Amino acid sequence: MLEARFTKKLWHFTLDIRINLGTEILVLWGPSGAGKTTILHCLAGLSSPGGGLIKLGDTVLYSSEERINVNTRFRNVGYLFQDYALFPHLTVRQNVLYGVKCKRKKDHDLPGKNPLELLEPFGVSHLIDRYPTQLSGGEKQRVALARALAVQPQLLLLDEPFSALDRNIKENLRQEIKKLHRKWKIPFVLVTHDEEDAGFLGDKIISLEKGRSSDTPLQTISEAASGLTQSMP
């Protein structure tokens, strides 16, 4: 369960967001500059809100009233960045293991859990000793997803995950995100300005315009994605 209500002053407006999310996929939808990525940064601890509350499960991650602001490393949040943010000097293996090594031992000491096993269902286990420059856009995305999940997150954030991909790869990876969500059963927050992505992936949709948010009926966005859901296995 994710509960977030906070403000964040940007140079051209003040962002005001309210989120109550169980294990659904929430899509933050809107034009560039609407504050979507800023919301992800606040949830991940990469940026601090101006005030409010962020709570994940029973843990308060941020509270202006209680003066709590948990460091990014300890929020148990997975983040898939728009450009995937893979370390170019590290192999696929090293990239996936990096986040695990950075966490406190008690957070990742899970017997029988090998983070590298996440590469197999994404179809990139054979690339384990390659560097990011040797990967295609779709392969980078799959490796970045495996790295985000390796820390066993309670929340997964995805920032424009399909923006650099061609249409065929994008459609396949939409399916993978859906399957991934069904398997992990944790809240996902996904940023997009693409109507098809929003309509296909969103259980809940918040539309943003200059910092103001409004719940958008799924059927409104889903008209742009007609036929996509029916094709999902």
C-alpha atoms as a PDB file:
ATOM      1  CA  MET A   1       0.000   0.000   0.000  1.00  0.00           C
ATOM      2  CA  LEU A   2       1.339   3.390  -1.015  1.00  0.00           C
ATOM      3  CA  GLU A   3      -0.034   6.560   0.553  1.00  0.00           C
ATOM      4  CA  ALA A   4       1.356   9.865  -0.635  1.00  0.00           C
ATOM      5  CA  ARG A   5       0.152  13.410  -0.234  1.00  0.00           C
ATOM      6  CA  PHE A   6       2.699  16.138  -0.721  1.00  0.00           C
ATOM      7  CA  THR A   7       3.536  19.400  -2.424  1.00  0.00           C
ATOM      8  CA  LYS A   8       6.655  20.400  -4.302  1.00  0.00           C
ATOM      9  CA  LYS A   9       7.373  23.898  -5.549  1.00  0.00           C
ATOM     10  CA  LEU A  10       8.758  23.991  -9.082  1.00  0.00           C
ATOM     11  CA  TRP A  11       9.825  27.097 -10.926  1.00  0.00           C
ATOM     12  CA  HIS A  12       6.592  27.447 -12.926  1.00  0.00           C
ATOM     13  CA  PHE A  13       3.992  25.950 -10.545  1.00  0.00           C
ATOM     14  CA  THR A  14       3.512  24.100  -7.274  1.00  0.00           C
ATOM     15  CA  LEU A  15       2.951  20.370  -7.599  1.00  0.00           C
ATOM     16  CA  ASP A  16       0.149  19.031  -5.400  1.00  0.00           C
ATOM     17  CA  ILE A  17      -0.319  15.245  -5.463  1.00  0.00           C
ATOM     18  CA  ARG A  18      -2.537  12.713  -3.666  1.00  0.00           C
ATOM     19  CA  ILE A  19      -1.967   8.965  -4.151  1.00  0.00           C
ATOM     20  CA  ASN A  20      -3.638   5.986  -2.479  1.00  0.00           C
ATOM     21  CA  LEU A  21      -2.533   2.760  -4.114  1.00  0.00           C
ATOM     22  CA  GLY A  22      -2.845  -0.908  -3.228  1.00  0.00           C
ATOM     23  CA  THR A  23      -1.204  -3.421  -5.550  1.00  0.00           C
ATOM     24  CA  GLU A  24      -2.457  -1.796  -8.755  1.00  0.00           C
ATOM     25  CA  ILE A  25      -0.572  -0.070 -11.552  1.00  0.00           C
ATOM     26  CA  LEU A  26      -0.941   3.688 -11.275  1.00  0.00           C
ATOM     27  CA  VAL A  27      -0.216   5.691 -14.407  1.00  0.00           C
ATOM     28  CA  LEU A  28       0.817   9.341 -14.123  1.00  0.00           C
ATOM     29  CA  TRP A  29      -0.260  10.694 -17.486  1.00  0.00           C
ATOM     30  CA  GLY A  30       0.237  14.106 -18.989  1.00  0.00           C
ATOM     31  CA  PRO A  31       2.413  16.334 -21.177  1.00  0.00           C
ATOM     32  CA  SER A  32       6.118  16.956 -20.676  1.00  0.00           C
ATOM     33  CA  GLY A  33       6.742  19.394 -17.837  1.00  0.00           C
ATOM     34  CA  ALA A  34       3.604  18.432 -15.898  1.00  0.00           C
ATOM     35  CA  GLY A  35       5.581  17.172 -12.897  1.00  0.00           C
ATOM     36  CA  LYS A  36       5.379  13.416 -13.521  1.00  0.00           C
ATOM     37  CA  THR A  37       9.075  12.603 -13.078  1.00  0.00           C
ATOM     38  CA  THR A  38       9.298  14.932 -10.073  1.00  0.00           C
ATOM     39  CA  ILE A  39       6.666  12.798  -8.349  1.00  0.00           C
ATOM     40  CA  LEU A  40       8.769   9.662  -8.939  1.00  0.00           C
ATOM     41  CA  HIS A  41      11.854  11.438  -7.587  1.00  0.00           C
ATOM     42  CA  CYS A  42       9.986  12.369  -4.412  1.00  0.00           C
ATOM     43  CA  LEU A  43       8.699   8.818  -3.954  1.00  0.00           C
ATOM     44  CA  ALA A  44      12.199   7.419  -4.445  1.00  0.00           C
ATOM     45  CA  GLY A  45      13.869   9.959  -2.163  1.00  0.00           C
ATOM     46  CA  LEU A  46      15.886  11.554  -4.959  1.00  0.00           C
ATOM     47  CA  SER A  47      14.122  14.858  -4.253  1.00  0.00           C
ATOM     48  CA  SER A  48      12.431  16.152  -1.114  1.00  0.00           C
ATOM     49  CA  PRO A  49       8.835  17.445  -1.144  1.00  0.00           C
ATOM     50  CA  GLY A  50       8.001  20.841   0.257  1.00  0.00           C
ATOM     51  CA  GLY A  51       5.727  19.198   2.797  1.00  0.00           C
ATOM     52  CA  GLY A  52       3.404  16.274   3.324  1.00  0.00           C
ATOM     53  CA  LEU A  53       3.607  12.501   3.818  1.00  0.00           C
ATOM     54  CA  ILE A  54       4.857   9.443   1.921  1.00  0.00           C
ATOM     55  CA  LYS A  55       4.118   6.058   3.463  1.00  0.00           C
ATOM     56  CA  LEU A  56       4.852   2.608   1.997  1.00  0.00           C
ATOM     57  CA  GLY A  57       3.161  -0.221   3.849  1.00  0.00           C
ATOM     58  CA  ASP A  58       3.680   0.460   7.533  1.00  0.00           C
ATOM     59  CA  THR A  59       6.833   2.518   6.963  1.00  0.00           C
ATOM     60  CA  VAL A  60       6.849   6.314   6.835  1.00  0.00           C
ATOM     61  CA  LEU A  61       9.359   7.315   4.172  1.00  0.00           C
ATOM     62  CA  TYR A  62       8.776  11.048   4.413  1.00  0.00           C
ATOM     63  CA  SER A  63       6.896  13.236   6.850  1.00  0.00           C
ATOM     64  CA  SER A  64       7.361  16.982   7.123  1.00  0.00           C
ATOM     65  CA  GLU A  65       5.422  16.956  10.389  1.00  0.00           C
ATOM     66  CA  GLU A  66       7.595  14.247  11.997  1.00  0.00           C
ATOM     67  CA  ARG A  67      10.777  15.415  10.246  1.00  0.00           C
ATOM     68  CA  ILE A  68      11.354  12.027   8.636  1.00  0.00           C
ATOM     69  CA  ASN A  69      13.100  11.667   5.291  1.00  0.00           C
ATOM     70  CA  VAL A  70      14.404   8.132   4.704  1.00  0.00           C
ATOM     71  CA  ASN A  71      17.508   7.885   2.516  1.00  0.00           C
ATOM     72  CA  THR A  72      16.959   6.513  -1.010  1.00  0.00           C
ATOM     73  CA  ARG A  73      19.076   3.424  -0.249  1.00  0.00           C
ATOM     74  CA  PHE A  74      16.728   2.320   2.509  1.00  0.00           C
ATOM     75  CA  ARG A  75      13.312   2.989   0.924  1.00  0.00           C
ATOM     76  CA  ASN A  76      13.025  -0.455  -0.684  1.00  0.00           C
ATOM     77  CA  VAL A  77      11.911   1.143  -3.949  1.00  0.00           C
ATOM     78  CA  GLY A  78      12.903  -0.082  -7.406  1.00  0.00           C
ATOM     79  CA  TYR A  79      13.368   2.582 -10.091  1.00  0.00           C
ATOM     80  CA  LEU A  80      13.508   2.091 -13.861  1.00  0.00           C
ATOM     81  CA  PHE A  81      14.876   5.364 -15.224  1.00  0.00           C
ATOM     82  CA  GLN A  82      13.857   6.716 -18.607  1.00  0.00           C
ATOM     83  CA  ASP A  83      17.373   6.221 -20.009  1.00  0.00           C
ATOM     84  CA  TYR A  84      17.749   2.987 -17.950  1.00  0.00           C
ATOM     85  CA  ALA A  85      20.856   4.448 -16.184  1.00  0.00           C
ATOM     86  CA  LEU A  86      22.966   1.327 -16.626  1.00  0.00           C
ATOM     87  CA  PHE A  87      26.604   1.805 -15.649  1.00  0.00           C
ATOM     88  CA  PRO A  88      28.539   1.658 -18.944  1.00  0.00           C
ATOM     89  CA  HIS A  89      31.722   0.352 -17.294  1.00  0.00           C
ATOM     90  CA  LEU A  90      29.918  -2.590 -15.644  1.00  0.00           C
ATOM     91  CA  THR A  91      28.729  -5.808 -17.251  1.00  0.00           C
ATOM     92  CA  VAL A  92      25.102  -6.937 -17.154  1.00  0.00           C
ATOM     93  CA  ARG A  93      26.000  -9.163 -14.191  1.00  0.00           C
ATOM     94  CA  GLN A  94      27.637  -6.314 -12.302  1.00  0.00           C
ATOM     95  CA  ASN A  95      24.791  -3.900 -13.064  1.00  0.00           C
ATOM     96  CA  VAL A  96      22.155  -6.283 -11.676  1.00  0.00           C
ATOM     97  CA  LEU A  97      24.180  -7.009  -8.532  1.00  0.00           C
ATOM     98  CA  TYR A  98      25.082  -3.360  -7.902  1.00  0.00           C
ATOM     99  CA  GLY A  99      21.871  -2.379  -6.117  1.00  0.00           C
ATOM    100  CA  VAL A 100      21.936  -5.493  -3.966  1.00  0.00           C
ATOM    101  CA  LYS A 101      25.471  -4.777  -2.810  1.00  0.00           C
ATOM    102  CA  CYS A 102      24.492  -1.214  -1.904  1.00  0.00           C
ATOM    103  CA  LYS A 103      21.688  -2.321   0.392  1.00  0.00           C
ATOM    104  CA  ARG A 104      22.141  -3.230   4.016  1.00  0.00           C
ATOM    105  CA  LYS A 105      22.834  -6.928   4.471  1.00  0.00           C
ATOM    106  CA  LYS A 106      19.663  -7.574   6.433  1.00  0.00           C
ATOM    107  CA  ASP A 107      17.589  -6.226   3.554  1.00  0.00           C
ATOM    108  CA  HIS A 108      18.876  -8.592   0.914  1.00  0.00           C
ATOM    109  CA  ASP A 109      20.064 -11.662   2.792  1.00  0.00           C
ATOM    110  CA  LEU A 110      17.413 -13.940   1.334  1.00  0.00           C
ATOM    111  CA  PRO A 111      18.458 -17.627   1.218  1.00  0.00           C
ATOM    112  CA  GLY A 112      17.888 -19.259  -2.140  1.00  0.00           C
ATOM    113  CA  LYS A 113      17.344 -15.955  -3.941  1.00  0.00           C
ATOM    114  CA  ASN A 114      19.858 -15.272  -6.694  1.00  0.00           C
ATOM    115  CA  PRO A 115      19.272 -11.840  -8.273  1.00  0.00           C
ATOM    116  CA  LEU A 116      20.831 -13.014 -11.531  1.00  0.00           C
ATOM    117  CA  GLU A 117      17.975 -15.490 -11.957  1.00  0.00           C
ATOM    118  CA  LEU A 118      15.801 -12.485 -12.856  1.00  0.00           C
ATOM    119  CA  LEU A 119      17.598 -12.276 -16.189  1.00  0.00           C
ATOM    120  CA  GLU A 120      16.193 -15.616 -17.362  1.00  0.00           C
ATOM    121  CA  PRO A 121      12.478 -14.710 -17.636  1.00  0.00           C
ATOM    122  CA  PHE A 122      13.462 -11.489 -19.419  1.00  0.00           C
ATOM    123  CA  GLY A 123      15.398 -13.481 -22.020  1.00  0.00           C
ATOM    124  CA  VAL A 124      18.729 -11.747 -21.435  1.00  0.00           C
ATOM    125  CA  SER A 125      20.619 -14.272 -19.290  1.00  0.00           C
ATOM    126  CA  HIS A 126      22.903 -15.040 -22.260  1.00  0.00           C
ATOM    127  CA  LEU A 127      24.069 -11.401 -22.198  1.00  0.00           C
ATOM    128  CA  ILE A 128      25.365 -11.570 -18.637  1.00  0.00           C
ATOM    129  CA  ASP A 129      28.985 -10.702 -19.493  1.00  0.00           C
ATOM    130  CA  ARG A 130      28.230  -7.968 -22.036  1.00  0.00           C
ATOM    131  CA  TYR A 131      28.437  -4.238 -21.446  1.00  0.00           C
ATOM    132  CA  PRO A 132      25.503  -1.815 -21.997  1.00  0.00           C
ATOM    133  CA  THR A 133      27.063  -0.485 -25.220  1.00  0.00           C
ATOM    134  CA  GLN A 134      26.718  -4.008 -26.637  1.00  0.00           C
ATOM    135  CA  LEU A 135      22.963  -4.179 -25.945  1.00  0.00           C
ATOM    136  CA  SER A 136      19.928  -3.084 -27.944  1.00  0.00           C
ATOM    137  CA  GLY A 137      17.336  -0.709 -26.464  1.00  0.00           C
ATOM    138  CA  GLY A 138      15.009  -3.571 -25.574  1.00  0.00           C
ATOM    139  CA  GLU A 139      17.827  -5.561 -23.976  1.00  0.00           C
ATOM    140  CA  LYS A 140      18.887  -2.566 -21.887  1.00  0.00           C
ATOM    141  CA  GLN A 141      15.313  -2.147 -20.675  1.00  0.00           C
ATOM    142  CA  ARG A 142      15.094  -5.787 -19.593  1.00  0.00           C
ATOM    143  CA  VAL A 143      18.426  -5.610 -17.763  1.00  0.00           C
ATOM    144  CA  ALA A 144      17.368  -2.383 -16.038  1.00  0.00           C
ATOM    145  CA  LEU A 145      14.119  -4.047 -14.929  1.00  0.00           C
ATOM    146  CA  ALA A 146      16.060  -7.002 -13.521  1.00  0.00           C
ATOM    147  CA  ARG A 147      18.323  -4.588 -11.618  1.00  0.00           C
ATOM    148  CA  ALA A 148      15.325  -2.689 -10.217  1.00  0.00           C
ATOM    149  CA  LEU A 149      13.729  -5.932  -9.015  1.00  0.00           C
ATOM    150  CA  ALA A 150      16.934  -7.446  -7.613  1.00  0.00           C
ATOM    151  CA  VAL A 151      16.536  -5.455  -4.389  1.00  0.00           C
ATOM    152  CA  GLN A 152      13.142  -7.119  -3.713  1.00  0.00           C
ATOM    153  CA  PRO A 153      11.284  -3.756  -3.772  1.00  0.00           C
ATOM    154  CA  GLN A 154       7.920  -3.020  -2.211  1.00  0.00           C
ATOM    155  CA  LEU A 155       7.272  -0.410  -4.916  1.00  0.00           C
ATOM    156  CA  LEU A 156       8.385  -0.192  -8.553  1.00  0.00           C
ATOM    157  CA  LEU A 157       8.689   3.166 -10.327  1.00  0.00           C
ATOM    158  CA  LEU A 158       8.918   3.306 -14.129  1.00  0.00           C
ATOM    159  CA  ASP A 159       9.722   6.548 -15.930  1.00  0.00           C
ATOM    160  CA  GLU A 160       8.682   6.529 -19.619  1.00  0.00           C
ATOM    161  CA  PRO A 161       9.929   2.924 -19.962  1.00  0.00           C
ATOM    162  CA  PHE A 162       9.075   2.589 -23.670  1.00  0.00           C
ATOM    163  CA  SER A 163      10.040   6.012 -25.025  1.00  0.00           C
ATOM    164  CA  ALA A 164      13.194   4.895 -26.858  1.00  0.00           C
ATOM    165  CA  LEU A 165      11.782   1.678 -28.324  1.00  0.00           C
ATOM    166  CA  ASP A 166      10.251   0.858 -31.684  1.00  0.00           C
ATOM    167  CA  ARG A 167       6.604  -0.162 -31.813  1.00  0.00           C
ATOM    168  CA  ASN A 168       7.044  -3.948 -31.949  1.00  0.00           C
ATOM    169  CA  ILE A 169       9.438  -4.030 -28.984  1.00  0.00           C
ATOM    170  CA  LYS A 170       7.205  -1.589 -27.093  1.00  0.00           C
ATOM    171  CA  GLU A 171       4.130  -3.808 -27.503  1.00  0.00           C
ATOM    172  CA  ASN A 172       6.034  -6.891 -26.315  1.00  0.00           C
ATOM    173  CA  LEU A 173       7.407  -5.086 -23.277  1.00  0.00           C
ATOM    174  CA  ARG A 174       3.962  -3.773 -22.337  1.00  0.00           C
ATOM    175  CA  GLN A 175       2.915  -7.413 -22.092  1.00  0.00           C
ATOM    176  CA  GLU A 176       5.977  -8.192 -19.964  1.00  0.00           C
ATOM    177  CA  ILE A 177       5.190  -5.346 -17.548  1.00  0.00           C
ATOM    178  CA  LYS A 178       1.647  -6.704 -17.089  1.00  0.00           C
ATOM    179  CA  LYS A 179       2.925 -10.230 -16.443  1.00  0.00           C
ATOM    180  CA  LEU A 180       5.579  -8.874 -14.095  1.00  0.00           C
ATOM    181  CA  HIS A 181       2.965  -6.986 -12.109  1.00  0.00           C
ATOM    182  CA  ARG A 182       0.747 -10.057 -11.754  1.00  0.00           C
ATOM    183  CA  LYS A 183       3.724 -12.056 -10.479  1.00  0.00           C
ATOM    184  CA  TRP A 184       5.154  -9.532  -8.001  1.00  0.00           C
ATOM    185  CA  LYS A 185       1.859  -8.142  -6.662  1.00  0.00           C
ATOM    186  CA  ILE A 186       3.371  -4.833  -5.566  1.00  0.00           C
ATOM    187  CA  PRO A 187       2.276  -1.295  -6.497  1.00  0.00           C
ATOM    188  CA  PHE A 188       3.726   0.085  -9.737  1.00  0.00           C
ATOM    189  CA  VAL A 189       3.794   3.805 -10.551  1.00  0.00           C
ATOM    190  CA  LEU A 190       4.418   4.429 -14.241  1.00  0.00           C
ATOM    191  CA  VAL A 191       4.992   7.766 -15.955  1.00  0.00           C
ATOM    192  CA  THR A 192       3.949   8.268 -19.561  1.00  0.00           C
ATOM    193  CA  HIS A 193       2.599  10.836 -21.984  1.00  0.00           C
ATOM    194  CA  ASP A 194       1.528   8.055 -24.373  1.00  0.00           C
ATOM    195  CA  GLU A 195      -2.231   7.369 -24.456  1.00  0.00           C
ATOM    196  CA  GLU A 196      -1.800   3.742 -25.523  1.00  0.00           C
ATOM    197  CA  ASP A 197       0.619   2.995 -22.670  1.00  0.00           C
ATOM    198  CA  ALA A 198      -1.754   4.602 -20.167  1.00  0.00           C
ATOM    199  CA  GLY A 199      -4.835   2.811 -21.443  1.00  0.00           C
ATOM    200  CA  PHE A 200      -3.201  -0.602 -21.655  1.00  0.00           C
ATOM    201  CA  LEU A 201      -1.265  -0.603 -18.374  1.00  0.00           C
ATOM    202  CA  GLY A 202      -3.214   1.611 -15.988  1.00  0.00           C
ATOM    203  CA  ASP A 203      -5.482   0.190 -13.300  1.00  0.00           C
ATOM    204  CA  LYS A 204      -5.674   3.756 -12.044  1.00  0.00           C
ATOM    205  CA  ILE A 205      -4.767   6.900 -13.945  1.00  0.00           C
ATOM    206  CA  ILE A 206      -3.937  10.353 -12.624  1.00  0.00           C
ATOM    207  CA  SER A 207      -3.858  13.064 -15.269  1.00  0.00           C
ATOM    208  CA  LEU A 208      -1.462  15.934 -14.567  1.00  0.00           C
ATOM    209  CA  GLU A 209      -1.517  19.443 -15.956  1.00  0.00           C
ATOM    210  CA  LYS A 210       0.828  22.068 -14.475  1.00  0.00           C
ATOM    211  CA  GLY A 211       0.952  20.403 -11.097  1.00  0.00           C
ATOM    212  CA  ARG A 212      -2.766  19.834 -10.760  1.00  0.00           C
ATOM    213  CA  SER A 213      -3.962  16.245 -10.711  1.00  0.00           C
ATOM    214  CA  SER A 214      -7.278  14.627 -11.484  1.00  0.00           C
ATOM    215  CA  ASP A 215      -8.444  11.029 -11.631  1.00  0.00           C
ATOM    216  CA  THR A 216      -9.118  10.074 -15.235  1.00  0.00           C
ATOM    217  CA  PRO A 217     -11.723   7.393 -16.051  1.00  0.00           C
ATOM    218  CA  LEU A 218     -10.005   4.355 -17.504  1.00  0.00           C
ATOM    219  CA  GLN A 219     -12.440   4.152 -20.392  1.00  0.00           C
ATOM    220  CA  THR A 220     -11.491   7.665 -21.509  1.00  0.00           C
ATOM    221  CA  ILE A 221      -7.843   6.742 -21.999  1.00  0.00           C
ATOM    222  CA  SER A 222      -8.581   3.163 -23.027  1.00  0.00           C
ATOM    223  CA  GLU A 223     -10.298   4.337 -26.203  1.00  0.00           C
ATOM    224  CA  ALA A 224      -6.825   5.192 -27.472  1.00  0.00           C
ATOM    225  CA  ALA A 225      -5.681   1.654 -26.737  1.00  0.00           C
ATOM    226  CA  SER A 226      -8.650  -0.252 -28.140  1.00  0.00           C
ATOM    227  CA  GLY A 227      -7.827  -3.824 -29.028  1.00  0.00           C
ATOM    228  CA  LEU A 228      -4.558  -3.936 -27.049  1.00  0.00           C
ATOM    229  CA  THR A 229      -5.973  -5.515 -23.918  1.00  0.00           C
ATOM    230  CA  GLN A 230      -7.821  -8.174 -25.902  1.00  0.00           C
ATOM    231  CA  SER A 231      -4.542  -9.254 -27.465  1.00  0.00           C
ATOM    232  CA  MET A 232      -2.860  -9.839 -24.115  1.00  0.00           C
ATOM    233  CA  PRO A 233      -2.447 -13.566 -23.275  1.00  0.00           C
END
